[in-house]
C-alpha atoms as a PDB file:
ATOM      1  CA  MET A   1     -14.199 -10.628  22.098  1.00  0.00           C
ATOM      2  CA  GLN A   2     -16.252  -7.713  22.738  1.00  0.00           C
ATOM      3  CA  ASN A   3     -13.955  -5.100  23.690  1.00  0.00           C
ATOM      4  CA  SER A   4     -11.730  -6.527  20.312  1.00  0.00           C
ATOM      5  CA  ASN A   5     -15.361  -5.605  18.388  1.00  0.00           C
ATOM      6  CA  SER A   6     -15.784  -2.644  20.057  1.00  0.00           C
ATOM      7  CA  TYR A   7     -11.903  -1.266  19.515  1.00  0.00           C
ATOM      8  CA  LEU A   8     -12.448  -2.081  15.867  1.00  0.00           C
ATOM      9  CA  ASN A   9     -15.521  -0.901  15.526  1.00  0.00           C
ATOM     10  CA  GLN A  10     -13.620   2.566  17.143  1.00  0.00           C
ATOM     11  CA  LEU A  11     -10.970   2.114  14.393  1.00  0.00           C
ATOM     12  CA  GLU A  12     -13.646   1.971  11.742  1.00  0.00           C
ATOM     13  CA  ASP A  13     -15.257   4.942  12.677  1.00  0.00           C
ATOM     14  CA  GLU A  14     -12.462   6.936  12.686  1.00  0.00           C
ATOM     15  CA  ALA A  15     -11.462   5.795   9.238  1.00  0.00           C
ATOM     16  CA  ILE A  16     -14.975   6.383   7.870  1.00  0.00           C
ATOM     17  CA  TYR A  17     -15.228   9.680   9.311  1.00  0.00           C
ATOM     18  CA  ILE A  18     -11.742  10.336   7.748  1.00  0.00           C
ATOM     19  CA  LEU A  19     -12.789   9.501   4.339  1.00  0.00           C
ATOM     20  CA  ARG A  20     -16.136  11.579   4.842  1.00  0.00           C
ATOM     21  CA  GLU A  21     -14.535  14.670   5.816  1.00  0.00           C
ATOM     22  CA  THR A  22     -12.100  13.427   2.671  1.00  0.00           C
ATOM     23  CA  ALA A  23     -14.978  13.874   0.050  1.00  0.00           C
ATOM     24  CA  ALA A  24     -16.425  16.843   1.741  1.00  0.00           C
ATOM     25  CA  GLN A  25     -12.992  19.199   1.823  1.00  0.00           C
ATOM     26  CA  PHE A  26     -11.639  17.838  -1.684  1.00  0.00           C
ATOM     27  CA  GLU A  27     -13.023  18.964  -4.919  1.00  0.00           C
ATOM     28  CA  ARG A  28     -11.309  15.865  -6.763  1.00  0.00           C
ATOM     29  CA  PRO A  29     -10.031  13.054  -4.448  1.00  0.00           C
ATOM     30  CA  ALA A  30      -8.810   9.814  -5.392  1.00  0.00           C
ATOM     31  CA  LEU A  31      -8.363   6.547  -3.621  1.00  0.00           C
ATOM     32  CA  LEU A  32      -5.039   4.786  -4.124  1.00  0.00           C
ATOM     33  CA  PHE A  33      -5.615   1.007  -5.205  1.00  0.00           C
ATOM     34  CA  SER A  34      -3.061  -1.654  -5.621  1.00  0.00           C
ATOM     35  CA  GLY A  35      -5.240  -5.111  -4.766  1.00  0.00           C
ATOM     36  CA  GLY A  36      -3.040  -5.002  -1.413  1.00  0.00           C
ATOM     37  CA  LYS A  37      -4.408  -5.773   1.991  1.00  0.00           C
ATOM     38  CA  ASP A  38      -4.614  -2.586   2.880  1.00  0.00           C
ATOM     39  CA  SER A  39      -6.011  -1.047  -0.210  1.00  0.00           C
ATOM     40  CA  ILE A  40      -8.879  -3.301   0.196  1.00  0.00           C
ATOM     41  CA  VAL A  41      -9.379  -2.358   3.818  1.00  0.00           C
ATOM     42  CA  LEU A  42     -10.063   0.993   2.535  1.00  0.00           C
ATOM     43  CA  LEU A  43     -11.819   0.077  -0.254  1.00  0.00           C
ATOM     44  CA  HIS A  44     -14.233  -2.026   2.055  1.00  0.00           C
ATOM     45  CA  LEU A  45     -14.394   1.039   4.285  1.00  0.00           C
ATOM     46  CA  SER A  46     -15.599   3.529   1.420  1.00  0.00           C
ATOM     47  CA  LEU A  47     -18.057   1.645   0.600  1.00  0.00           C
ATOM     48  CA  LYS A  48     -19.360   1.736   4.039  1.00  0.00           C
ATOM     49  CA  ALA A  49     -19.009   5.265   3.875  1.00  0.00           C
ATOM     50  CA  PHE A  50     -20.439   5.949   0.711  1.00  0.00           C
ATOM     51  CA  ARG A  51     -23.274   2.787  -0.326  1.00  0.00           C
ATOM     52  CA  PRO A  52     -26.076   2.664  -1.628  1.00  0.00           C
ATOM     53  CA  GLY A  53     -24.660   5.608  -4.117  1.00  0.00           C
ATOM     54  CA  LYS A  54     -21.493   5.569  -5.989  1.00  0.00           C
ATOM     55  CA  LEU A  55     -17.786   6.335  -4.420  1.00  0.00           C
ATOM     56  CA  PRO A  56     -17.465  10.207  -4.572  1.00  0.00           C
ATOM     57  CA  PHE A  57     -13.978   8.828  -5.583  1.00  0.00           C
ATOM     58  CA  PRO A  58     -12.396   6.775  -8.346  1.00  0.00           C
ATOM     59  CA  LEU A  59      -9.611   4.343  -7.642  1.00  0.00           C
ATOM     60  CA  VAL A  60      -6.188   4.972  -8.810  1.00  0.00           C
ATOM     61  CA  HIS A  61      -3.371   2.169  -9.151  1.00  0.00           C
ATOM     62  CA  VAL A  62       0.074   2.859  -9.870  1.00  0.00           C
ATOM     63  CA  ASP A  63       1.241   0.003 -11.635  1.00  0.00           C
ATOM     64  CA  THR A  64       4.883  -1.064 -11.803  1.00  0.00           C
ATOM     65  CA  GLY A  65       5.000  -3.317 -14.402  1.00  0.00           C
ATOM     66  CA  HIS A  66       6.833  -5.830 -11.664  1.00  0.00           C
ATOM     67  CA  ASN A  67       3.132  -6.135 -10.003  1.00  0.00           C
ATOM     68  CA  PHE A  68       2.197  -9.905  -9.062  1.00  0.00           C
ATOM     69  CA  PRO A  69      -0.404 -11.391 -11.828  1.00  0.00           C
ATOM     70  CA  GLU A  70      -2.094 -12.622  -9.026  1.00  0.00           C
ATOM     71  CA  VAL A  71      -3.004  -9.207  -7.250  1.00  0.00           C
ATOM     72  CA  ILE A  72      -3.178  -7.445 -10.787  1.00  0.00           C
ATOM     73  CA  ALA A  73      -6.256 -10.185 -11.815  1.00  0.00           C
ATOM     74  CA  PHE A  74      -7.877  -9.817  -8.285  1.00  0.00           C
ATOM     75  CA  ARG A  75      -7.880  -5.769  -8.541  1.00  0.00           C
ATOM     76  CA  ASP A  76      -9.393  -6.044 -11.693  1.00  0.00           C
ATOM     77  CA  TYR A  77     -12.050  -8.540 -10.262  1.00  0.00           C
ATOM     78  CA  VAL A  78     -12.958  -6.112  -7.314  1.00  0.00           C
ATOM     79  CA  VAL A  79     -13.269  -2.926  -9.124  1.00  0.00           C
ATOM     80  CA  ASN A  80     -15.633  -5.578 -11.981  1.00  0.00           C
ATOM     81  CA  LYS A  81     -17.416  -6.682  -8.848  1.00  0.00           C
ATOM     82  CA  TYR A  82     -18.175  -3.477  -7.196  1.00  0.00           C
ATOM     83  CA  GLY A  83     -18.227  -1.173 -10.752  1.00  0.00           C
ATOM     84  CA  GLU A  84     -16.241   1.720  -9.543  1.00  0.00           C
ATOM     85  CA  LYS A  85     -13.736   3.241 -12.127  1.00  0.00           C
ATOM     86  CA  LEU A  86     -10.258   2.519 -12.147  1.00  0.00           C
ATOM     87  CA  ILE A  87      -7.277   5.014 -13.697  1.00  0.00           C
ATOM     88  CA  VAL A  88      -4.068   3.109 -14.687  1.00  0.00           C
ATOM     89  CA  ALA A  89      -0.950   4.825 -14.243  1.00  0.00           C
ATOM     90  CA  SER A  90       1.767   3.346 -16.030  1.00  0.00           C
ATOM     91  CA  VAL A  91       5.331   3.317 -14.351  1.00  0.00           C
ATOM     92  CA  GLU A  92       6.421   1.469 -17.721  1.00  0.00           C
ATOM     93  CA  ASP A  93       4.825   4.794 -19.239  1.00  0.00           C
ATOM     94  CA  SER A  94       7.306   6.793 -17.160  1.00  0.00           C
ATOM     95  CA  ILE A  95      10.663   5.026 -17.856  1.00  0.00           C
ATOM     96  CA  LYS A  96      10.020   5.504 -21.410  1.00  0.00           C
ATOM     97  CA  LYS A  97       8.841   9.438 -21.090  1.00  0.00           C
ATOM     98  CA  TYR A  98      11.610  10.408 -18.798  1.00  0.00           C
ATOM     99  CA  ASN A  99      14.356   8.049 -20.113  1.00  0.00           C
ATOM    100  CA  LEU A 100      14.714   6.928 -16.361  1.00  0.00           C
ATOM    101  CA  LYS A 101      17.200   4.627 -15.611  1.00  0.00           C
ATOM    102  CA  GLU A 102      16.233   0.737 -13.399  1.00  0.00           C
ATOM    103  CA  ALA A 103      17.723   0.910  -9.496  1.00  0.00           C
ATOM    104  CA  PRO A 104      21.026  -1.125  -9.522  1.00  0.00           C
ATOM    105  CA  GLY A 105      21.391  -4.429  -8.465  1.00  0.00           C
ATOM    106  CA  ARG A 106      20.081  -8.001  -8.348  1.00  0.00           C
ATOM    107  CA  PHE A 107      16.932  -7.478  -7.875  1.00  0.00           C
ATOM    108  CA  PRO A 108      16.164  -3.776  -8.576  1.00  0.00           C
ATOM    109  CA  SER A 109      12.938  -1.950  -7.239  1.00  0.00           C
ATOM    110  CA  ARG A 110      11.257   0.772  -9.078  1.00  0.00           C
ATOM    111  CA  ASN A 111       9.528   2.150  -6.182  1.00  0.00           C
ATOM    112  CA  ALA A 112      11.468   5.089  -6.549  1.00  0.00           C
ATOM    113  CA  LEU A 113      10.226   5.355 -10.053  1.00  0.00           C
ATOM    114  CA  GLN A 114       6.384   5.182  -9.224  1.00  0.00           C
ATOM    115  CA  THR A 115       6.478   8.648  -7.829  1.00  0.00           C
ATOM    116  CA  TYR A 116       6.944   9.955 -11.559  1.00  0.00           C
ATOM    117  CA  ALA A 117       3.674   8.500 -12.232  1.00  0.00           C
ATOM    118  CA  LEU A 118       2.000   9.225  -9.266  1.00  0.00           C
ATOM    119  CA  LEU A 119       2.556  12.731  -9.763  1.00  0.00           C
ATOM    120  CA  ASP A 120       1.584  12.289 -13.918  1.00  0.00           C
ATOM    121  CA  VAL A 121      -1.657  10.912 -13.353  1.00  0.00           C
ATOM    122  CA  ILE A 122      -1.812  13.435  -9.966  1.00  0.00           C
ATOM    123  CA  GLN A 123      -1.189  16.406 -11.961  1.00  0.00           C
ATOM    124  CA  ASP A 124      -3.550  14.718 -15.352  1.00  0.00           C
ATOM    125  CA  ASN A 125      -6.997  14.120 -13.408  1.00  0.00           C
ATOM    126  CA  GLU A 126      -6.183  17.665 -11.209  1.00  0.00           C
ATOM    127  CA  PHE A 127      -6.641  15.351  -8.044  1.00  0.00           C
ATOM    128  CA  ASP A 128      -6.109  17.770  -4.806  1.00  0.00           C
ATOM    129  CA  ALA A 129      -6.395  14.684  -2.723  1.00  0.00           C
ATOM    130  CA  CYS A 130      -4.775  11.420  -2.841  1.00  0.00           C
ATOM    131  CA  ILE A 131      -6.143   8.615   0.215  1.00  0.00           C
ATOM    132  CA  GLY A 132      -3.369   5.960   1.127  1.00  0.00           C
ATOM    133  CA  GLY A 133      -3.392   2.529   3.109  1.00  0.00           C
ATOM    134  CA  ALA A 134      -0.142   3.606   4.926  1.00  0.00           C
ATOM    135  CA  ARG A 135       0.102   2.601   8.709  1.00  0.00           C
ATOM    136  CA  ARG A 136       1.907   4.170  11.467  1.00  0.00           C
ATOM    137  CA  ASP A 137       3.368   1.072  12.336  1.00  0.00           C
ATOM    138  CA  GLU A 138       4.716   0.118   9.065  1.00  0.00           C
ATOM    139  CA  GLU A 139       8.032   1.873   8.760  1.00  0.00           C
ATOM    140  CA  LYS A 140       9.593   5.405  10.964  1.00  0.00           C
ATOM    141  CA  ALA A 141       8.746   7.643   8.446  1.00  0.00           C
ATOM    142  CA  ARG A 142       5.107   6.771   8.010  1.00  0.00           C
ATOM    143  CA  ALA A 143       4.891   7.311  11.959  1.00  0.00           C
ATOM    144  CA  LYS A 144       5.552  11.132  11.009  1.00  0.00           C
ATOM    145  CA  GLU A 145       2.465  11.862   8.813  1.00  0.00           C
ATOM    146  CA  ARG A 146      -0.165  13.383   9.749  1.00  0.00           C
ATOM    147  CA  ILE A 147      -3.958  12.081   8.576  1.00  0.00           C
ATOM    148  CA  PHE A 148      -3.826  15.019   6.107  1.00  0.00           C
ATOM    149  CA  SER A 149      -0.666  15.299   4.511  1.00  0.00           C
ATOM    150  CA  VAL A 150       0.613  18.179   2.358  1.00  0.00           C
ATOM    151  CA  ARG A 151       2.611  17.921  -0.746  1.00  0.00           C
ATOM    152  CA  ASP A 152       3.795  21.010  -2.377  1.00  0.00           C
ATOM    153  CA  ASP A 153       3.695  21.892  -5.860  1.00  0.00           C
ATOM    154  CA  PHE A 154       6.066  19.505  -6.747  1.00  0.00           C
ATOM    155  CA  GLY A 155       4.460  16.792  -4.942  1.00  0.00           C
ATOM    156  CA  GLN A 156       7.181  16.681  -2.371  1.00  0.00           C
ATOM    157  CA  TRP A 157       6.422  16.193   1.949  1.00  0.00           C
ATOM    158  CA  ASP A 158       8.441  18.185   4.225  1.00  0.00           C
ATOM    159  CA  PRO A 159       8.121  16.352   8.049  1.00  0.00           C
ATOM    160  CA  LYS A 160       9.237  19.165   9.799  1.00  0.00           C
ATOM    161  CA  LEU A 161       5.845  21.332   8.401  1.00  0.00           C
ATOM    162  CA  GLN A 162       2.773  19.239   9.150  1.00  0.00           C
ATOM    163  CA  ARG A 163      -0.424  20.565  10.535  1.00  0.00           C
ATOM    164  CA  PRO A 164      -1.371  20.174  13.800  1.00  0.00           C
ATOM    165  CA  GLU A 165      -4.088  18.097  14.162  1.00  0.00           C
ATOM    166  CA  LEU A 166      -6.128  18.241  17.711  1.00  0.00           C
ATOM    167  CA  TRP A 167      -9.320  17.163  18.605  1.00  0.00           C
ATOM    168  CA  ASP A 168      -9.857  15.475  15.670  1.00  0.00           C
ATOM    169  CA  VAL A 169     -10.201  18.447  13.364  1.00  0.00           C
ATOM    170  CA  LEU A 170      -9.076  18.149  10.065  1.00  0.00           C
ATOM    171  CA  ASN A 171      -7.536  20.850   7.849  1.00  0.00           C
ATOM    172  CA  GLY A 172      -7.932  20.264   4.137  1.00  0.00           C
ATOM    173  CA  LYS A 173      -6.967  24.260   3.458  1.00  0.00           C
ATOM    174  CA  ILE A 174      -4.495  23.902   0.603  1.00  0.00           C
ATOM    175  CA  GLN A 175      -3.267  26.262  -1.900  1.00  0.00           C
ATOM    176  CA  LYS A 176      -3.509  25.822  -5.619  1.00  0.00           C
ATOM    177  CA  GLY A 177      -1.093  23.127  -6.945  1.00  0.00           C
ATOM    178  CA  ASN A 178      -0.449  21.396  -3.393  1.00  0.00           C
ATOM    179  CA  ASN A 179      -1.833  17.824  -2.727  1.00  0.00           C
ATOM    180  CA  VAL A 180      -2.846  16.028   0.585  1.00  0.00           C
ATOM    181  CA  ARG A 181      -1.986  12.508   1.088  1.00  0.00           C
ATOM    182  CA  VAL A 182      -5.179  11.293   3.235  1.00  0.00           C
ATOM    183  CA  PHE A 183      -4.356   7.730   5.672  1.00  0.00           C
ATOM    184  CA  PRO A 184      -7.305   7.013   7.401  1.00  0.00           C
ATOM    185  CA  LEU A 185      -5.380   3.919   8.679  1.00  0.00           C
ATOM    186  CA  SER A 186      -3.486   5.913  10.450  1.00  0.00           C
ATOM    187  CA  ASN A 187      -4.247   4.592  13.796  1.00  0.00           C
ATOM    188  CA  TRP A 188      -4.418   0.829  12.593  1.00  0.00           C
ATOM    189  CA  THR A 189      -1.680  -2.155  13.469  1.00  0.00           C
ATOM    190  CA  GLU A 190      -1.022  -4.353  10.546  1.00  0.00           C
ATOM    191  CA  LEU A 191      -3.273  -7.270  13.317  1.00  0.00           C
ATOM    192  CA  ASP A 192      -5.606  -4.652  13.524  1.00  0.00           C
ATOM    193  CA  VAL A 193      -6.054  -4.613   9.974  1.00  0.00           C
ATOM    194  CA  TRP A 194      -6.305  -8.596   9.824  1.00  0.00           C
ATOM    195  CA  ASN A 195      -8.457  -8.600  12.651  1.00  0.00           C
ATOM    196  CA  TYR A 196     -10.577  -6.148  10.618  1.00  0.00           C
ATOM    197  CA  ILE A 197     -10.720  -8.615   7.735  1.00  0.00           C
ATOM    198  CA  LYS A 198     -11.701 -11.958   9.837  1.00  0.00           C
ATOM    199  CA  GLU A 199     -14.746  -9.603  11.445  1.00  0.00           C
ATOM    200  CA  ASN A 200     -15.579  -8.494   8.152  1.00  0.00           C
ATOM    201  CA  GLU A 201     -15.132 -11.507   6.126  1.00  0.00           C
ATOM    202  CA  ILE A 202     -13.191  -9.331   3.011  1.00  0.00           C
ATOM    203  CA  GLU A 203     -11.688 -11.217   0.378  1.00  0.00           C
ATOM    204  CA  LEU A 204      -7.977 -11.144  -0.430  1.00  0.00           C
ATOM    205  CA  PRO A 205      -5.343 -12.613  -3.227  1.00  0.00           C
ATOM    206  CA  GLY A 206      -4.229 -16.174  -2.327  1.00  0.00           C
ATOM    207  CA  LEU A 207      -0.749 -14.903  -2.029  1.00  0.00           C
ATOM    208  CA  TYR A 208      -1.427 -13.837   1.532  1.00  0.00           C
ATOM    209  CA  PHE A 209      -1.926 -17.172   2.161  1.00  0.00           C
ATOM    210  CA  ALA A 210       0.907 -20.226   2.460  1.00  0.00           C
ATOM    211  CA  HIS A 211       1.390 -21.886  -0.879  1.00  0.00           C
ATOM    212  CA  ASP A 212       4.269 -23.735  -2.246  1.00  0.00           C
ATOM    213  CA  ARG A 213       6.810 -21.455  -4.142  1.00  0.00           C
ATOM    214  CA  GLU A 214      10.228 -22.158  -6.121  1.00  0.00           C
ATOM    215  CA  CYS A 215      12.466 -19.392  -4.619  1.00  0.00           C
ATOM    216  CA  ILE A 216      15.691 -18.085  -4.423  1.00  0.00           C
ATOM    217  CA  VAL A 217      17.294 -17.788  -1.165  1.00  0.00           C
ATOM    218  CA  PHE A 218      19.348 -13.564  -1.440  1.00  0.00           C
ATOM    219  CA  GLN A 219      20.553 -12.197   1.454  1.00  0.00           C
ATOM    220  CA  ASP A 220      18.793 -14.704   3.698  1.00  0.00           C
ATOM    221  CA  LYS A 221      15.355 -13.807   2.735  1.00  0.00           C
ATOM    222  CA  LEU A 222      12.897 -15.729   0.008  1.00  0.00           C
ATOM    223  CA  VAL A 223      12.446 -14.404  -3.398  1.00  0.00           C
ATOM    224  CA  ALA A 224      10.361 -16.334  -5.906  1.00  0.00           C
ATOM    225  CA  THR A 225      10.767 -16.535  -9.374  1.00  0.00           C
ATOM    226  CA  HIS A 226       8.512 -15.780 -12.062  1.00  0.00           C
ATOM    227  CA  GLY A 227       9.559 -15.659 -15.339  1.00  0.00           C
ATOM    228  CA  GLU A 228      11.474 -13.420 -17.084  1.00  0.00           C
ATOM    229  CA  ILE A 229      11.469 -10.856 -14.345  1.00  0.00           C
ATOM    230  CA  ILE A 230      12.935 -12.953 -11.940  1.00  0.00           C
ATOM    231  CA  LYS A 231      14.929 -15.268 -13.238  1.00  0.00           C
ATOM    232  CA  PRO A 232      17.769 -17.698 -10.797  1.00  0.00           C
ATOM    233  CA  LEU A 233      21.425 -17.446 -11.715  1.00  0.00           C
ATOM    234  CA  ASP A 234      23.350 -21.145 -11.856  1.00  0.00           C
ATOM    235  CA  THR A 235      24.644 -19.955  -8.526  1.00  0.00           C
ATOM    236  CA  ASP A 236      21.549 -19.401  -6.849  1.00  0.00           C
ATOM    237  CA  THR A 237      20.381 -21.471  -4.063  1.00  0.00           C
ATOM    238  CA  ILE A 238      16.919 -22.643  -5.141  1.00  0.00           C
ATOM    239  CA  VAL A 239      14.315 -24.140  -2.237  1.00  0.00           C
ATOM    240  CA  VAL A 240      10.995 -24.975  -2.716  1.00  0.00           C
ATOM    241  CA  GLU A 241       8.516 -23.989   0.418  1.00  0.00           C
ATOM    242  CA  SER A 242       5.791 -23.212   2.368  1.00  0.00           C
ATOM    243  CA  VAL A 243       5.669 -19.294   2.089  1.00  0.00           C
ATOM    244  CA  ARG A 244       3.104 -16.579   2.247  1.00  0.00           C
ATOM    245  CA  TYR A 245       3.283 -12.687   1.495  1.00  0.00           C
ATOM    246  CA  ARG A 246       2.765 -10.061   4.385  1.00  0.00           C
ATOM    247  CA  THR A 247       3.129  -7.578   1.780  1.00  0.00           C
ATOM    248  CA  VAL A 248       2.218  -7.643  -1.782  1.00  0.00           C
ATOM    249  CA  GLY A 249       4.563  -4.899  -3.937  1.00  0.00           C
ATOM    250  CA  ASP A 250       6.639  -5.664  -6.388  1.00  0.00           C
ATOM    251  CA  MET A 251       7.755  -9.150  -7.456  1.00  0.00           C
ATOM    252  CA  THR A 252      11.280  -7.767  -7.252  1.00  0.00           C
ATOM    253  CA  CYS A 253      11.661  -6.283  -3.701  1.00  0.00           C
ATOM    254  CA  THR A 254       8.928  -8.194  -1.926  1.00  0.00           C
ATOM    255  CA  ALA A 255       9.973 -11.955  -0.156  1.00  0.00           C
ATOM    256  CA  ALA A 256       7.915 -14.299   0.705  1.00  0.00           C
ATOM    257  CA  VAL A 257       8.293 -15.590   4.386  1.00  0.00           C
ATOM    258  CA  PRO A 258       8.098 -19.302   5.498  1.00  0.00           C
ATOM    259  CA  SER A 259       4.708 -20.047   6.606  1.00  0.00           C
ATOM    260  CA  SER A 260       2.003 -22.978   6.847  1.00  0.00           C
ATOM    261  CA  ALA A 261      -0.614 -20.588   7.624  1.00  0.00           C
ATOM    262  CA  ALA A 262      -3.529 -21.560   5.631  1.00  0.00           C
ATOM    263  CA  SER A 263      -6.201 -19.091   6.906  1.00  0.00           C
ATOM    264  CA  ILE A 264      -6.799 -16.050   8.319  1.00  0.00           C
ATOM    265  CA  GLU A 265      -6.843 -17.339  11.782  1.00  0.00           C
ATOM    266  CA  ASP A 266      -3.615 -18.953  11.290  1.00  0.00           C
ATOM    267  CA  ILE A 267      -2.239 -15.715   9.998  1.00  0.00           C
ATOM    268  CA  ILE A 268      -3.137 -13.539  12.855  1.00  0.00           C
ATOM    269  CA  GLU A 269      -1.594 -16.310  14.744  1.00  0.00           C
ATOM    270  CA  ASP A 270       1.513 -15.522  13.262  1.00  0.00           C
ATOM    271  CA  ILE A 271       1.679 -11.799  13.340  1.00  0.00           C
ATOM    272  CA  ILE A 272       1.010 -12.193  17.140  1.00  0.00           C
ATOM    273  CA  GLN A 273       4.081 -14.476  17.453  1.00  0.00           C
ATOM    274  CA  THR A 274       6.598 -12.248  14.978  1.00  0.00           C
ATOM    275  CA  ARG A 275       8.542  -9.704  16.522  1.00  0.00           C
ATOM    276  CA  ILE A 276       9.503  -8.525  13.001  1.00  0.00           C
ATOM    277  CA  SER A 277       7.552  -5.498  11.073  1.00  0.00           C
ATOM    278  CA  GLU A 278       6.346  -6.366   8.182  1.00  0.00           C
ATOM    279  CA  ARG A 279       8.398  -4.140   5.603  1.00  0.00           C
ATOM    280  CA  GLY A 280      11.421  -5.084   7.573  1.00  0.00           C
ATOM    281  CA  GLN A 281      10.932  -8.904   7.264  1.00  0.00           C
ATOM    282  CA  THR A 282       9.840  -8.275   3.530  1.00  0.00           C
ATOM    283  CA  ARG A 283      10.824  -5.637   1.497  1.00  0.00           C
ATOM    284  CA  LEU A 284      14.359  -5.465  -0.042  1.00  0.00           C
ATOM    285  CA  ASP A 285      14.621  -2.011  -0.761  1.00  0.00           C
ATOM    286  CA  ASP A 286      14.599  -0.636   2.455  1.00  0.00           C
ATOM    287  CA  GLN A 287      17.378  -2.585   3.503  1.00  0.00           C
ATOM    288  CA  VAL A 288      19.449  -0.287   1.292  1.00  0.00           C
ATOM    289  CA  SER A 289      19.027   2.659   3.983  1.00  0.00           C
ATOM    290  CA  GLU A 290      17.334   3.535   7.713  1.00  0.00           C
ATOM    291  CA  ALA A 291      15.818   6.538   6.217  1.00  0.00           C
ATOM    292  CA  ALA A 292      14.874   4.792   2.283  1.00  0.00           C
ATOM    293  CA  MET A 293      11.176   5.493   3.013  1.00  0.00           C
ATOM    294  CA  GLU A 294      11.717   8.621   4.138  1.00  0.00           C
ATOM    295  CA  ASP A 295      13.999   9.943   1.438  1.00  0.00           C
ATOM    296  CA  ARG A 296      11.619   8.509  -1.407  1.00  0.00           C
ATOM    297  CA  LYS A 297       8.264  10.253   0.713  1.00  0.00           C
ATOM    298  CA  LYS A 298      10.065  13.862   0.599  1.00  0.00           C
ATOM    299  CA  GLN A 299      10.462  13.700  -3.290  1.00  0.00           C
ATOM    300  CA  GLY A 300       6.875  12.346  -4.129  1.00  0.00           C
ATOM    301  CA  TYR A 301       6.306   8.550  -2.972  1.00  0.00           C
ATOM    302  CA  PHE A 302       3.205   7.999  -1.306  1.00  0.00           C
END
């Protein structure tokens, strides 16, 4: 356990260094906060980095309108608990403003549409850096990112034009109109996040733990029913299973996984045993193409 604690301390120290460098090098940074586990860990690290003072950046959530209600409730609970500022950017508003079309298919994802709301909230608030919880083990495109990842005037990302980051030197110099995405969890894995949550007794939404839920069997995955957003068809196979969520994105593109894990220790054991990545097991929208995430990121996605 001593070795584990030492390793987690190294990851924590690095992340706090990145957060403090972000606050020092940028004029108007923001922390992207969805209420999911990675952004909750980022908030915890930010509190360690800057308390007892207020955070030097607001929290920003791009609300798709398809978020799990439990996660939205937890997001608001956490914001009220710590008394920090929350800015909500609405994808519903972007759909109306730009006359956007929903993605086709049975369970349309709004992930690509988040880009419009994100770029608008960056422009409206003149943010020059956005701190996100992406990890390099999530997906292949994530692994191409730098810790300070520069976006151009249109919010677009070019994986071939990444800056070198040698000897932990972070270069935040940008031209006016550019924006930097900052990833303090770049060297963390899903297992690291859960071990850190355990060690620091961090609160989480209940969706991460096993619970019985009515689900539609779709493409060998379990999609939980929910009101008007996810309604079963007469031809659907419906099951009630004990499930949990490895990630809590949109209800329409996030599948549950069968599990009896009722504690963080159980979840850690689940992750140790699995050989499928978090996104590979749960995200329906990433099944369209192996380059789906990279294509979205090039257009300005997180």
